[in-house]
């Protein structure tokens, strides 16, 4: 088992394919849906937020004088892009049509921006 397969198992929900016949679920083909590009993304959000916050804090400490507002944005976008890449590495979770790609990228971008807002909010709460 490779690292990408292990990570994709974490970020992808697998469930039996919906079929019109009455075949048992064990024999039905398996469908997959990316977690970070789906409304079910709340399952992976806390871990992604912790990763983005930790990396942002490390970067701010490493570059003295850096502001968390500017460091957190590229970090959150990179974490979001990494999760998106892990998700689409599984062929069964990859969007098939152009519209599905546009929607998946839009949702992943919104999730990455929510990661950014989370990192900034955590930083602000620590200052209180």
Foldseek 3Di string as FASTA:
>chain_A
DDPLVVLLVVFKDKAFDDDPDPDDSVPGDIAIAGLQLDPVVVSVLVVLLVQLLVVLVVVCVVDDPDDSLVSSLVSLVVSLVVSVVSNVVDVRHHDDDPVSVVSSVVSSVVSSVVSSVSSVVVVVVVVD
